[in-house]
Amino acid sequence: GARRNSRSIRASDADTLEDASVLGDARLIEAPYFDEPWPPMRFEKR
């Protein structure tokens, strides 16, 4: 298992990309490769 400051952590149970919170560059989904469109997502950077 995984812990943060001694407490167990779990990944999110999100089941749709729409409105998903994503760490990365929002421009990466604008490339011409994608046959299937991406829904609106919330991008942030760290």
PDB file of all heavy atoms in Angstrom:
ATOM      1  N   GLY A   1       0.813  -1.205   0.000  1.00  0.00           N
ATOM      2  CA  GLY A   1       0.000   0.000   0.000  1.00  0.00           C
ATOM      3  C   GLY A   1       0.848   1.258   0.000  1.00  0.00           C
ATOM      4  O   GLY A   1       2.074   1.206   0.068  1.00  0.00           O
ATOM      5  N   ALA A   2       0.183   2.406  -0.089  1.00  0.00           N
ATOM      6  CA  ALA A   2       0.852   3.709  -0.137  1.00  0.00           C
ATOM      7  C   ALA A   2       0.314   4.600   0.964  1.00  0.00           C
ATOM      8  O   ALA A   2      -0.867   4.520   1.329  1.00  0.00           O
ATOM      9  CB  ALA A   2       0.628   4.364  -1.497  1.00  0.00           C
ATOM     10  N   ARG A   3       1.196   5.457   1.481  1.00  0.00           N
ATOM     11  CA  ARG A   3       0.804   6.343   2.580  1.00  0.00           C
ATOM     12  C   ARG A   3       1.376   7.746   2.351  1.00  0.00           C
ATOM     13  O   ARG A   3       2.416   7.908   1.725  1.00  0.00           O
ATOM     14  CB  ARG A   3       1.326   5.796   3.922  1.00  0.00           C
ATOM     15  CG  ARG A   3       0.792   4.425   4.267  1.00  0.00           C
ATOM     16  CD  ARG A   3       1.279   3.941   5.619  1.00  0.00           C
ATOM     17  NE  ARG A   3       2.732   3.835   5.737  1.00  0.00           N
ATOM     18  CZ  ARG A   3       3.459   2.864   5.204  1.00  0.00           C
ATOM     19  NH1 ARG A   3       2.879   1.915   4.469  1.00  0.00           N
ATOM     20  NH2 ARG A   3       4.757   2.837   5.383  1.00  0.00           N
ATOM     21  N   ARG A   4       0.671   8.725   2.876  1.00  0.00           N
ATOM     22  CA  ARG A   4       1.177  10.090   2.965  1.00  0.00           C
ATOM     23  C   ARG A   4       1.151  10.490   4.427  1.00  0.00           C
ATOM     24  O   ARG A   4       0.109  10.433   5.078  1.00  0.00           O
ATOM     25  CB  ARG A   4       0.294  11.056   2.160  1.00  0.00           C
ATOM     26  CG  ARG A   4       0.768  12.522   2.261  1.00  0.00           C
ATOM     27  CD  ARG A   4      -0.118  13.461   1.488  1.00  0.00           C
ATOM     28  NE  ARG A   4      -1.483  13.448   2.010  1.00  0.00           N
ATOM     29  CZ  ARG A   4      -2.548  13.869   1.323  1.00  0.00           C
ATOM     30  NH1 ARG A   4      -2.411  14.321   0.090  1.00  0.00           N
ATOM     31  NH2 ARG A   4      -3.746  13.815   1.862  1.00  0.00           N
ATOM     32  N   ASN A   5       2.328  10.864   4.928  1.00  0.00           N
ATOM     33  CA  ASN A   5       2.443  11.240   6.347  1.00  0.00           C
ATOM     34  C   ASN A   5       1.760  10.212   7.246  1.00  0.00           C
ATOM     35  O   ASN A   5       0.972  10.542   8.131  1.00  0.00           O
ATOM     36  CB  ASN A   5       1.868  12.641   6.586  1.00  0.00           C
ATOM     37  CG  ASN A   5       2.632  13.724   5.838  1.00  0.00           C
ATOM     38  OD1 ASN A   5       3.639  13.453   5.189  1.00  0.00           O
ATOM     39  ND2 ASN A   5       2.147  14.955   5.910  1.00  0.00           N
ATOM     40  N   SER A   6       2.056   8.942   6.945  1.00  0.00           N
ATOM     41  CA  SER A   6       1.620   7.777   7.747  1.00  0.00           C
ATOM     42  C   SER A   6       0.156   7.386   7.562  1.00  0.00           C
ATOM     43  O   SER A   6      -0.298   6.419   8.167  1.00  0.00           O
ATOM     44  CB  SER A   6       1.886   7.997   9.251  1.00  0.00           C
ATOM     45  OG  SER A   6       3.254   8.233   9.471  1.00  0.00           O
ATOM     46  N   ARG A   7      -0.594   8.093   6.719  1.00  0.00           N
ATOM     47  CA  ARG A   7      -2.001   7.739   6.491  1.00  0.00           C
ATOM     48  C   ARG A   7      -2.169   7.156   5.093  1.00  0.00           C
ATOM     49  O   ARG A   7      -1.604   7.666   4.117  1.00  0.00           O
ATOM     50  CB  ARG A   7      -2.889   8.966   6.667  1.00  0.00           C
ATOM     51  CG  ARG A   7      -2.702   9.655   8.016  1.00  0.00           C
ATOM     52  CD  ARG A   7      -3.684  10.767   8.233  1.00  0.00           C
ATOM     53  NE  ARG A   7      -5.006  10.251   8.603  1.00  0.00           N
ATOM     54  CZ  ARG A   7      -5.975  10.994   9.116  1.00  0.00           C
ATOM     55  NH1 ARG A   7      -5.789  12.294   9.309  1.00  0.00           N
ATOM     56  NH2 ARG A   7      -7.145  10.466   9.404  1.00  0.00           N
ATOM     57  N   SER A   8      -2.976   6.108   4.987  1.00  0.00           N
ATOM     58  CA  SER A   8      -3.181   5.448   3.697  1.00  0.00           C
ATOM     59  C   SER A   8      -3.814   6.400   2.695  1.00  0.00           C
ATOM     60  O   SER A   8      -4.641   7.254   3.061  1.00  0.00           O
ATOM     61  CB  SER A   8      -4.089   4.224   3.861  1.00  0.00           C
ATOM     62  OG  SER A   8      -3.445   3.231   4.611  1.00  0.00           O
ATOM     63  N   ILE A   9      -3.423   6.249   1.443  1.00  0.00           N
ATOM     64  CA  ILE A   9      -3.988   7.076   0.372  1.00  0.00           C
ATOM     65  C   ILE A   9      -4.539   6.174  -0.723  1.00  0.00           C
ATOM     66  O   ILE A   9      -4.108   5.034  -0.892  1.00  0.00           O
ATOM     67  CB  ILE A   9      -2.949   8.058  -0.221  1.00  0.00           C
ATOM     68  CG1 ILE A   9      -1.681   7.314  -0.666  1.00  0.00           C
ATOM     69  CG2 ILE A   9      -2.626   9.160   0.777  1.00  0.00           C
ATOM     70  CD1 ILE A   9      -0.662   8.190  -1.360  1.00  0.00           C
ATOM     71  N   ARG A  10      -5.501   6.717  -1.472  1.00  0.00           N
ATOM     72  CA  ARG A  10      -6.096   5.983  -2.592  1.00  0.00           C
ATOM     73  C   ARG A  10      -6.302   6.933  -3.762  1.00  0.00           C
ATOM     74  O   ARG A  10      -6.631   8.110  -3.587  1.00  0.00           O
ATOM     75  CB  ARG A  10      -7.474   5.405  -2.214  1.00  0.00           C
ATOM     76  CG  ARG A  10      -7.443   4.293  -1.210  1.00  0.00           C
ATOM     77  CD  ARG A  10      -6.717   3.072  -1.718  1.00  0.00           C
ATOM     78  NE  ARG A  10      -7.347   2.460  -2.887  1.00  0.00           N
ATOM     79  CZ  ARG A  10      -6.795   1.470  -3.598  1.00  0.00           C
ATOM     80  NH1 ARG A  10      -5.593   1.026  -3.295  1.00  0.00           N
ATOM     81  NH2 ARG A  10      -7.433   0.967  -4.622  1.00  0.00           N
ATOM     82  N   ALA A  11      -6.126   6.397  -4.961  1.00  0.00           N
ATOM     83  CA  ALA A  11      -6.407   7.159  -6.174  1.00  0.00           C
ATOM     84  C   ALA A  11      -7.896   7.456  -6.264  1.00  0.00           C
ATOM     85  O   ALA A  11      -8.731   6.807  -5.614  1.00  0.00           O
ATOM     86  CB  ALA A  11      -5.952   6.374  -7.399  1.00  0.00           C
ATOM     87  N   SER A  12      -8.237   8.429  -7.086  1.00  0.00           N
ATOM     88  CA  SER A  12      -9.639   8.849  -7.191  1.00  0.00           C
ATOM     89  C   SER A  12     -10.487   7.772  -7.855  1.00  0.00           C
ATOM     90  O   SER A  12      -9.985   6.904  -8.568  1.00  0.00           O
ATOM     91  CB  SER A  12      -9.732  10.172  -7.972  1.00  0.00           C
ATOM     92  OG  SER A  12     -10.072   9.971  -9.307  1.00  0.00           O
ATOM     93  N   ASP A  13     -11.786   7.853  -7.618  1.00  0.00           N
ATOM     94  CA  ASP A  13     -12.726   6.907  -8.241  1.00  0.00           C
ATOM     95  C   ASP A  13     -13.425   7.545  -9.431  1.00  0.00           C
ATOM     96  O   ASP A  13     -14.503   7.102  -9.845  1.00  0.00           O
ATOM     97  CB  ASP A  13     -13.734   6.381  -7.219  1.00  0.00           C
ATOM     98  CG  ASP A  13     -14.543   7.496  -6.559  1.00  0.00           C
ATOM     99  OD1 ASP A  13     -14.350   8.683  -6.937  1.00  0.00           O
ATOM    100  OD2 ASP A  13     -15.365   7.192  -5.679  1.00  0.00           O
ATOM    101  N   ALA A  14     -12.820   8.594  -9.998  1.00  0.00           N
ATOM    102  CA  ALA A  14     -13.409   9.245 -11.173  1.00  0.00           C
ATOM    103  C   ALA A  14     -13.631   8.224 -12.280  1.00  0.00           C
ATOM    104  O   ALA A  14     -12.786   7.370 -12.532  1.00  0.00           O
ATOM    105  CB  ALA A  14     -12.488  10.355 -11.666  1.00  0.00           C
ATOM    106  N   ASP A  15     -14.778   8.298 -12.954  1.00  0.00           N
ATOM    107  CA  ASP A  15     -15.083   7.320 -14.002  1.00  0.00           C
ATOM    108  C   ASP A  15     -15.456   7.987 -15.327  1.00  0.00           C
ATOM    109  O   ASP A  15     -15.949   7.327 -16.243  1.00  0.00           O
ATOM    110  CB  ASP A  15     -16.182   6.360 -13.557  1.00  0.00           C
ATOM    111  CG  ASP A  15     -17.476   7.083 -13.194  1.00  0.00           C
ATOM    112  OD1 ASP A  15     -17.548   8.329 -13.366  1.00  0.00           O
ATOM    113  OD2 ASP A  15     -18.411   6.417 -12.730  1.00  0.00           O
ATOM    114  N   THR A  16     -15.208   9.307 -15.425  1.00  0.00           N
ATOM    115  CA  THR A  16     -15.418   9.992 -16.691  1.00  0.00           C
ATOM    116  C   THR A  16     -14.342  11.050 -16.857  1.00  0.00           C
ATOM    117  O   THR A  16     -13.929  11.689 -15.882  1.00  0.00           O
ATOM    118  CB  THR A  16     -16.814  10.635 -16.763  1.00  0.00           C
ATOM    119  OG1 THR A  16     -16.914  11.381 -17.981  1.00  0.00           O
ATOM    120  CG2 THR A  16     -17.052  11.572 -15.586  1.00  0.00           C
ATOM    121  N   LEU A  17     -13.897  11.230 -18.103  1.00  0.00           N
ATOM    122  CA  LEU A  17     -12.890  12.261 -18.360  1.00  0.00           C
ATOM    123  C   LEU A  17     -13.483  13.660 -18.302  1.00  0.00           C
ATOM    124  O   LEU A  17     -12.764  14.633 -18.068  1.00  0.00           O
ATOM    125  CB  LEU A  17     -12.242  12.039 -19.734  1.00  0.00           C
ATOM    126  CG  LEU A  17     -11.240  10.890 -19.837  1.00  0.00           C
ATOM    127  CD1 LEU A  17     -10.767  10.727 -21.276  1.00  0.00           C
ATOM    128  CD2 LEU A  17     -10.042  11.139 -18.913  1.00  0.00           C
ATOM    129  N   GLU A  18     -14.770  13.779 -18.527  1.00  0.00           N
ATOM    130  CA  GLU A  18     -15.387  15.103 -18.490  1.00  0.00           C
ATOM    131  C   GLU A  18     -15.222  15.722 -17.108  1.00  0.00           C
ATOM    132  O   GLU A  18     -15.565  15.127 -16.097  1.00  0.00           O
ATOM    133  CB  GLU A  18     -16.871  15.027 -18.849  1.00  0.00           C
ATOM    134  CG  GLU A  18     -17.497  16.388 -18.988  1.00  0.00           C
ATOM    135  CD  GLU A  18     -18.802  16.346 -19.785  1.00  0.00           C
ATOM    136  OE1 GLU A  18     -19.242  15.254 -20.166  1.00  0.00           O
ATOM    137  OE2 GLU A  18     -19.349  17.429 -20.006  1.00  0.00           O
ATOM    138  N   ASP A  19     -14.597  16.893 -17.090  1.00  0.00           N
ATOM    139  CA  ASP A  19     -14.338  17.647 -15.863  1.00  0.00           C
ATOM    140  C   ASP A  19     -13.297  16.974 -14.965  1.00  0.00           C
ATOM    141  O   ASP A  19     -13.159  17.343 -13.791  1.00  0.00           O
ATOM    142  CB  ASP A  19     -15.623  17.901 -15.074  1.00  0.00           C
ATOM    143  CG  ASP A  19     -15.476  19.086 -14.121  1.00  0.00           C
ATOM    144  OD1 ASP A  19     -14.864  20.090 -14.534  1.00  0.00           O
ATOM    145  OD2 ASP A  19     -15.946  18.998 -12.971  1.00  0.00           O
ATOM    146  N   ALA A  20     -12.555  16.016 -15.501  1.00  0.00           N
ATOM    147  CA  ALA A  20     -11.489  15.388 -14.713  1.00  0.00           C
ATOM    148  C   ALA A  20     -10.393  16.409 -14.426  1.00  0.00           C
ATOM    149  O   ALA A  20     -10.129  17.312 -15.226  1.00  0.00           O
ATOM    150  CB  ALA A  20     -10.911  14.192 -15.457  1.00  0.00           C
ATOM    151  N   SER A  21      -9.753  16.273 -13.276  1.00  0.00           N
ATOM    152  CA  SER A  21      -8.638  17.163 -12.914  1.00  0.00           C
ATOM    153  C   SER A  21      -7.331  16.483 -13.341  1.00  0.00           C
ATOM    154  O   SER A  21      -7.034  15.362 -12.928  1.00  0.00           O
ATOM    155  CB  SER A  21      -8.643  17.441 -11.414  1.00  0.00           C
ATOM    156  OG  SER A  21      -8.583  16.241 -10.676  1.00  0.00           O
ATOM    157  N   VAL A  22      -6.574  17.173 -14.184  1.00  0.00           N
ATOM    158  CA  VAL A  22      -5.410  16.574 -14.834  1.00  0.00           C
ATOM    159  C   VAL A  22      -4.186  17.448 -14.615  1.00  0.00           C
ATOM    160  O   VAL A  22      -4.237  18.674 -14.815  1.00  0.00           O
ATOM    161  CB  VAL A  22      -5.655  16.403 -16.349  1.00  0.00           C
ATOM    162  CG1 VAL A  22      -4.431  15.798 -17.031  1.00  0.00           C
ATOM    163  CG2 VAL A  22      -6.892  15.541 -16.596  1.00  0.00           C
ATOM    164  N   LEU A  23      -3.085  16.826 -14.236  1.00  0.00           N
ATOM    165  CA  LEU A  23      -1.811  17.520 -14.139  1.00  0.00           C
ATOM    166  C   LEU A  23      -1.065  17.347 -15.458  1.00  0.00           C
ATOM    167  O   LEU A  23      -0.750  16.231 -15.864  1.00  0.00           O
ATOM    168  CB  LEU A  23      -0.986  16.960 -12.982  1.00  0.00           C
ATOM    169  CG  LEU A  23      -1.497  17.348 -11.599  1.00  0.00           C
ATOM    170  CD1 LEU A  23      -0.888  16.470 -10.525  1.00  0.00           C
ATOM    171  CD2 LEU A  23      -1.208  18.819 -11.306  1.00  0.00           C
ATOM    172  N   GLY A  24      -0.822  18.457 -16.149  1.00  0.00           N
ATOM    173  CA  GLY A  24      -0.155  18.404 -17.438  1.00  0.00           C
ATOM    174  C   GLY A  24      -0.423  19.689 -18.198  1.00  0.00           C
ATOM    175  O   GLY A  24      -1.108  20.593 -17.709  1.00  0.00           O
ATOM    176  N   ASP A  25       0.107  19.733 -19.397  1.00  0.00           N
ATOM    177  CA  ASP A  25      -0.048  20.910 -20.255  1.00  0.00           C
ATOM    178  C   ASP A  25      -1.324  20.758 -21.075  1.00  0.00           C
ATOM    179  O   ASP A  25      -1.480  19.787 -21.826  1.00  0.00           O
ATOM    180  CB  ASP A  25       1.165  21.012 -21.180  1.00  0.00           C
ATOM    181  CG  ASP A  25       1.187  22.309 -21.977  1.00  0.00           C
ATOM    182  OD1 ASP A  25       0.123  22.916 -22.186  1.00  0.00           O
ATOM    183  OD2 ASP A  25       2.295  22.697 -22.410  1.00  0.00           O
ATOM    184  N   ALA A  26      -2.234  21.702 -20.949  1.00  0.00           N
ATOM    185  CA  ALA A  26      -3.516  21.620 -21.663  1.00  0.00           C
ATOM    186  C   ALA A  26      -3.329  21.537 -23.171  1.00  0.00           C
ATOM    187  O   ALA A  26      -4.189  20.998 -23.890  1.00  0.00           O
ATOM    188  CB  ALA A  26      -4.380  22.822 -21.312  1.00  0.00           C
ATOM    189  N   ARG A  27      -2.189  22.014 -23.672  1.00  0.00           N
ATOM    190  CA  ARG A  27      -1.966  22.003 -25.125  1.00  0.00           C
ATOM    191  C   ARG A  27      -1.717  20.604 -25.676  1.00  0.00           C
ATOM    192  O   ARG A  27      -1.831  20.387 -26.882  1.00  0.00           O
ATOM    193  CB  ARG A  27      -0.780  22.901 -25.474  1.00  0.00           C
ATOM    194  CG  ARG A  27      -1.039  24.393 -25.211  1.00  0.00           C
ATOM    195  CD  ARG A  27       0.220  25.200 -25.365  1.00  0.00           C
ATOM    196  NE  ARG A  27       1.227  24.804 -24.391  1.00  0.00           N
ATOM    197  CZ  ARG A  27       2.445  25.344 -24.311  1.00  0.00           C
ATOM    198  NH1 ARG A  27       2.795  26.308 -25.138  1.00  0.00           N
ATOM    199  NH2 ARG A  27       3.303  24.933 -23.393  1.00  0.00           N
ATOM    200  N   LEU A  28      -1.394  19.653 -24.784  1.00  0.00           N
ATOM    201  CA  LEU A  28      -1.039  18.325 -25.304  1.00  0.00           C
ATOM    202  C   LEU A  28      -2.214  17.628 -25.970  1.00  0.00           C
ATOM    203  O   LEU A  28      -2.028  16.763 -26.827  1.00  0.00           O
ATOM    204  CB  LEU A  28      -0.424  17.447 -24.214  1.00  0.00           C
ATOM    205  CG  LEU A  28      -1.259  16.961 -23.021  1.00  0.00           C
ATOM    206  CD1 LEU A  28      -2.064  15.727 -23.356  1.00  0.00           C
ATOM    207  CD2 LEU A  28      -0.339  16.651 -21.847  1.00  0.00           C
ATOM    208  N   ILE A  29      -3.446  17.989 -25.622  1.00  0.00           N
ATOM    209  CA  ILE A  29      -4.603  17.340 -26.253  1.00  0.00           C
ATOM    210  C   ILE A  29      -5.056  18.080 -27.510  1.00  0.00           C
ATOM    211  O   ILE A  29      -6.059  17.721 -28.117  1.00  0.00           O
ATOM    212  CB  ILE A  29      -5.778  17.179 -25.262  1.00  0.00           C
ATOM    213  CG1 ILE A  29      -6.308  18.534 -24.804  1.00  0.00           C
ATOM    214  CG2 ILE A  29      -5.375  16.300 -24.086  1.00  0.00           C
ATOM    215  CD1 ILE A  29      -7.616  18.442 -24.037  1.00  0.00           C
ATOM    216  N   GLU A  30      -4.303  19.112 -27.913  1.00  0.00           N
ATOM    217  CA  GLU A  30      -4.630  19.840 -29.134  1.00  0.00           C
ATOM    218  C   GLU A  30      -3.880  19.312 -30.348  1.00  0.00           C
ATOM    219  O   GLU A  30      -4.062  19.812 -31.454  1.00  0.00           O
ATOM    220  CB  GLU A  30      -4.307  21.325 -28.944  1.00  0.00           C
ATOM    221  CG  GLU A  30      -5.150  21.986 -27.855  1.00  0.00           C
ATOM    222  CD  GLU A  30      -4.659  23.378 -27.511  1.00  0.00           C
ATOM    223  OE1 GLU A  30      -3.691  23.847 -28.163  1.00  0.00           O
ATOM    224  OE2 GLU A  30      -5.234  23.997 -26.597  1.00  0.00           O
ATOM    225  N   ALA A  31      -3.026  18.306 -30.152  1.00  0.00           N
ATOM    226  CA  ALA A  31      -2.252  17.744 -31.264  1.00  0.00           C
ATOM    227  C   ALA A  31      -3.194  17.120 -32.293  1.00  0.00           C
ATOM    228  O   ALA A  31      -4.338  16.759 -31.975  1.00  0.00           O
ATOM    229  CB  ALA A  31      -1.272  16.695 -30.741  1.00  0.00           C
ATOM    230  N   PRO A  32      -2.719  16.967 -33.547  1.00  0.00           N
ATOM    231  CA  PRO A  32      -3.613  16.486 -34.616  1.00  0.00           C
ATOM    232  C   PRO A  32      -3.823  14.970 -34.631  1.00  0.00           C
ATOM    233  O   PRO A  32      -4.506  14.468 -35.509  1.00  0.00           O
ATOM    234  CB  PRO A  32      -2.868  16.920 -35.883  1.00  0.00           C
ATOM    235  CG  PRO A  32      -1.436  16.933 -35.492  1.00  0.00           C
ATOM    236  CD  PRO A  32      -1.399  17.367 -34.061  1.00  0.00           C
ATOM    237  N   TYR A  33      -3.282  14.250 -33.652  1.00  0.00           N
ATOM    238  CA  TYR A  33      -3.316  12.789 -33.705  1.00  0.00           C
ATOM    239  C   TYR A  33      -4.637  12.179 -33.280  1.00  0.00           C
ATOM    240  O   TYR A  33      -4.896  11.007 -33.547  1.00  0.00           O
ATOM    241  CB  TYR A  33      -2.232  12.205 -32.780  1.00  0.00           C
ATOM    242  CG  TYR A  33      -0.842  12.711 -33.012  1.00  0.00           C
ATOM    243  CD1 TYR A  33      -0.209  13.496 -32.053  1.00  0.00           C
ATOM    244  CD2 TYR A  33      -0.145  12.394 -34.183  1.00  0.00           C
ATOM    245  CE1 TYR A  33       1.083  13.944 -32.253  1.00  0.00           C
ATOM    246  CE2 TYR A  33       1.142  12.851 -34.373  1.00  0.00           C
ATOM    247  CZ  TYR A  33       1.747  13.624 -33.414  1.00  0.00           C
ATOM    248  OH  TYR A  33       3.022  14.082 -33.600  1.00  0.00           O
ATOM    249  N   PHE A  34      -5.463  12.920 -32.576  1.00  0.00           N
ATOM    250  CA  PHE A  34      -6.569  12.312 -31.855  1.00  0.00           C
ATOM    251  C   PHE A  34      -7.808  12.173 -32.732  1.00  0.00           C
ATOM    252  O   PHE A  34      -8.397  13.160 -33.162  1.00  0.00           O
ATOM    253  CB  PHE A  34      -6.888  13.126 -30.600  1.00  0.00           C
ATOM    254  CG  PHE A  34      -5.709  13.302 -29.688  1.00  0.00           C
ATOM    255  CD1 PHE A  34      -5.144  14.551 -29.489  1.00  0.00           C
ATOM    256  CD2 PHE A  34      -5.145  12.213 -29.043  1.00  0.00           C
ATOM    257  CE1 PHE A  34      -4.059  14.725 -28.656  1.00  0.00           C
ATOM    258  CE2 PHE A  34      -4.047  12.368 -28.216  1.00  0.00           C
ATOM    259  CZ  PHE A  34      -3.502  13.622 -28.018  1.00  0.00           C
ATOM    260  N   ASP A  35      -8.217  10.910 -32.991  1.00  0.00           N
ATOM    261  CA  ASP A  35      -9.458  10.647 -33.720  1.00  0.00           C
ATOM    262  C   ASP A  35     -10.678  10.958 -32.853  1.00  0.00           C
ATOM    263  O   ASP A  35     -11.693  11.438 -33.327  1.00  0.00           O
ATOM    264  CB  ASP A  35      -9.541   9.171 -34.147  1.00  0.00           C
ATOM    265  CG  ASP A  35      -8.444   8.791 -35.113  1.00  0.00           C
ATOM    266  OD1 ASP A  35      -7.925   9.707 -35.777  1.00  0.00           O
ATOM    267  OD2 ASP A  35      -8.109   7.607 -35.198  1.00  0.00           O
ATOM    268  N   GLU A  36     -10.537  10.622 -31.591  1.00  0.00           N
ATOM    269  CA  GLU A  36     -11.657  10.766 -30.647  1.00  0.00           C
ATOM    270  C   GLU A  36     -11.466  12.050 -29.863  1.00  0.00           C
ATOM    271  O   GLU A  36     -10.407  12.255 -29.254  1.00  0.00           O
ATOM    272  CB  GLU A  36     -11.675   9.554 -29.703  1.00  0.00           C
ATOM    273  CG  GLU A  36     -12.876   9.506 -28.790  1.00  0.00           C
ATOM    274  CD  GLU A  36     -12.916   8.214 -27.973  1.00  0.00           C
ATOM    275  OE1 GLU A  36     -12.074   7.318 -28.210  1.00  0.00           O
ATOM    276  OE2 GLU A  36     -13.792   8.118 -27.103  1.00  0.00           O
ATOM    277  N   PRO A  37     -12.420  12.943 -29.863  1.00  0.00           N
ATOM    278  CA  PRO A  37     -12.223  14.221 -29.178  1.00  0.00           C
ATOM    279  C   PRO A  37     -12.112  14.039 -27.664  1.00  0.00           C
ATOM    280  O   PRO A  37     -12.650  13.082 -27.097  1.00  0.00           O
ATOM    281  CB  PRO A  37     -13.460  15.028 -29.553  1.00  0.00           C
ATOM    282  CG  PRO A  37     -14.493  14.006 -29.912  1.00  0.00           C
ATOM    283  CD  PRO A  37     -13.743  12.851 -30.511  1.00  0.00           C
ATOM    284  N   TRP A  38     -11.432  14.964 -27.039  1.00  0.00           N
ATOM    285  CA  TRP A  38     -11.330  14.990 -25.583  1.00  0.00           C
ATOM    286  C   TRP A  38     -12.452  15.858 -25.022  1.00  0.00           C
ATOM    287  O   TRP A  38     -12.717  16.937 -25.549  1.00  0.00           O
ATOM    288  CB  TRP A  38      -9.987  15.570 -25.156  1.00  0.00           C
ATOM    289  CG  TRP A  38      -8.799  14.742 -25.521  1.00  0.00           C
ATOM    290  CD1 TRP A  38      -8.140  14.743 -26.723  1.00  0.00           C
ATOM    291  CD2 TRP A  38      -8.110  13.805 -24.693  1.00  0.00           C
ATOM    292  NE1 TRP A  38      -7.081  13.860 -26.692  1.00  0.00           N
ATOM    293  CE2 TRP A  38      -7.046  13.273 -25.446  1.00  0.00           C
ATOM    294  CE3 TRP A  38      -8.283  13.365 -23.373  1.00  0.00           C
ATOM    295  CZ2 TRP A  38      -6.162  12.329 -24.937  1.00  0.00           C
ATOM    296  CZ3 TRP A  38      -7.405  12.430 -22.866  1.00  0.00           C
ATOM    297  CH2 TRP A  38      -6.352  11.913 -23.640  1.00  0.00           C
ATOM    298  N   PRO A  39     -13.071  15.424 -23.950  1.00  0.00           N
ATOM    299  CA  PRO A  39     -14.067  16.286 -23.302  1.00  0.00           C
ATOM    300  C   PRO A  39     -13.365  17.409 -22.540  1.00  0.00           C
ATOM    301  O   PRO A  39     -12.144  17.369 -22.355  1.00  0.00           O
ATOM    302  CB  PRO A  39     -14.781  15.331 -22.346  1.00  0.00           C
ATOM    303  CG  PRO A  39     -13.735  14.313 -22.001  1.00  0.00           C
ATOM    304  CD  PRO A  39     -12.906  14.140 -23.237  1.00  0.00           C
ATOM    305  N   PRO A  40     -14.097  18.396 -22.086  1.00  0.00           N
ATOM    306  CA  PRO A  40     -13.480  19.446 -21.274  1.00  0.00           C
ATOM    307  C   PRO A  40     -12.894  18.855 -19.990  1.00  0.00           C
ATOM    308  O   PRO A  40     -13.558  18.071 -19.292  1.00  0.00           O
ATOM    309  CB  PRO A  40     -14.648  20.392 -20.959  1.00  0.00           C
ATOM    310  CG  PRO A  40     -15.681  20.094 -21.993  1.00  0.00           C
ATOM    311  CD  PRO A  40     -15.533  18.653 -22.333  1.00  0.00           C
ATOM    312  N   MET A  41     -11.645  19.206 -19.708  1.00  0.00           N
ATOM    313  CA  MET A  41     -10.975  18.752 -18.485  1.00  0.00           C
ATOM    314  C   MET A  41     -10.309  19.943 -17.825  1.00  0.00           C
ATOM    315  O   MET A  41     -10.039  20.953 -18.464  1.00  0.00           O
ATOM    316  CB  MET A  41      -9.945  17.665 -18.821  1.00  0.00           C
ATOM    317  CG  MET A  41     -10.557  16.416 -19.430  1.00  0.00           C
ATOM    318  SD  MET A  41      -9.336  15.098 -19.767  1.00  0.00           S
ATOM    319  CE  MET A  41      -8.396  15.817 -21.106  1.00  0.00           C
ATOM    320  N   ARG A  42     -10.030  19.805 -16.548  1.00  0.00           N
ATOM    321  CA  ARG A  42      -9.396  20.894 -15.788  1.00  0.00           C
ATOM    322  C   ARG A  42      -7.898  20.601 -15.642  1.00  0.00           C
ATOM    323  O   ARG A  42      -7.516  19.666 -14.958  1.00  0.00           O
ATOM    324  CB  ARG A  42     -10.049  21.024 -14.407  1.00  0.00           C
ATOM    325  CG  ARG A  42     -11.495  21.518 -14.476  1.00  0.00           C
ATOM    326  CD  ARG A  42     -12.154  21.516 -13.105  1.00  0.00           C
ATOM    327  NE  ARG A  42     -12.485  20.167 -12.654  1.00  0.00           N
ATOM    328  CZ  ARG A  42     -12.051  19.614 -11.523  1.00  0.00           C
ATOM    329  NH1 ARG A  42     -11.261  20.289 -10.709  1.00  0.00           N
ATOM    330  NH2 ARG A  42     -12.416  18.385 -11.187  1.00  0.00           N
ATOM    331  N   PHE A  43      -7.083  21.384 -16.311  1.00  0.00           N
ATOM    332  CA  PHE A  43      -5.631  21.182 -16.289  1.00  0.00           C
ATOM    333  C   PHE A  43      -4.966  22.107 -15.274  1.00  0.00           C
ATOM    334  O   PHE A  43      -5.313  23.282 -15.162  1.00  0.00           O
ATOM    335  CB  PHE A  43      -5.033  21.455 -17.673  1.00  0.00           C
ATOM    336  CG  PHE A  43      -5.205  20.329 -18.644  1.00  0.00           C
ATOM    337  CD1 PHE A  43      -6.352  20.243 -19.425  1.00  0.00           C
ATOM    338  CD2 PHE A  43      -4.242  19.353 -18.779  1.00  0.00           C
ATOM    339  CE1 PHE A  43      -6.519  19.202 -20.329  1.00  0.00           C
ATOM    340  CE2 PHE A  43      -4.396  18.308 -19.673  1.00  0.00           C
ATOM    341  CZ  PHE A  43      -5.532  18.227 -20.452  1.00  0.00           C
ATOM    342  N   GLU A  44      -4.007  21.550 -14.560  1.00  0.00           N
ATOM    343  CA  GLU A  44      -3.152  22.345 -13.677  1.00  0.00           C
ATOM    344  C   GLU A  44      -1.714  21.892 -13.858  1.00  0.00           C
ATOM    345  O   GLU A  44      -1.447  20.809 -14.408  1.00  0.00           O
ATOM    346  CB  GLU A  44      -3.572  22.204 -12.208  1.00  0.00           C
ATOM    347  CG  GLU A  44      -4.899  22.869 -11.879  1.00  0.00           C
ATOM    348  CD  GLU A  44      -5.147  22.927 -10.384  1.00  0.00           C
ATOM    349  OE1 GLU A  44      -4.166  23.102  -9.618  1.00  0.00           O
ATOM    350  OE2 GLU A  44      -6.316  22.797  -9.983  1.00  0.00           O
ATOM    351  N   LYS A  45      -0.780  22.720 -13.386  1.00  0.00           N
ATOM    352  CA  LYS A  45       0.643  22.390 -13.509  1.00  0.00           C
ATOM    353  C   LYS A  45       1.284  22.295 -12.125  1.00  0.00           C
ATOM    354  O   LYS A  45       0.906  23.034 -11.208  1.00  0.00           O
ATOM    355  CB  LYS A  45       1.372  23.451 -14.341  1.00  0.00           C
ATOM    356  CG  LYS A  45       0.936  23.484 -15.799  1.00  0.00           C
ATOM    357  CD  LYS A  45       1.755  24.485 -16.599  1.00  0.00           C
ATOM    358  CE  LYS A  45       1.329  24.483 -18.060  1.00  0.00           C
ATOM    359  NZ  LYS A  45       2.127  25.450 -18.867  1.00  0.00           N
ATOM    360  N   ARG A  46       2.208  21.379 -12.003  1.00  0.00           N
ATOM    361  CA  ARG A  46       3.113  21.296 -10.860  1.00  0.00           C
ATOM    362  C   ARG A  46       4.488  20.989 -11.448  1.00  0.00           C
ATOM    363  O   ARG A  46       4.612  20.170 -12.361  1.00  0.00           O
ATOM    364  CB  ARG A  46       2.710  20.187  -9.883  1.00  0.00           C
ATOM    365  CG  ARG A  46       1.355  20.365  -9.230  1.00  0.00           C
ATOM    366  CD  ARG A  46       1.358  21.501  -8.221  1.00  0.00           C
ATOM    367  NE  ARG A  46       0.085  21.585  -7.518  1.00  0.00           N
ATOM    368  CZ  ARG A  46      -0.972  22.274  -7.917  1.00  0.00           C
ATOM    369  NH1 ARG A  46      -0.939  22.943  -9.063  1.00  0.00           N
ATOM    370  NH2 ARG A  46      -2.068  22.315  -7.187  1.00  0.00           N
TER     371      ARG A  46
END
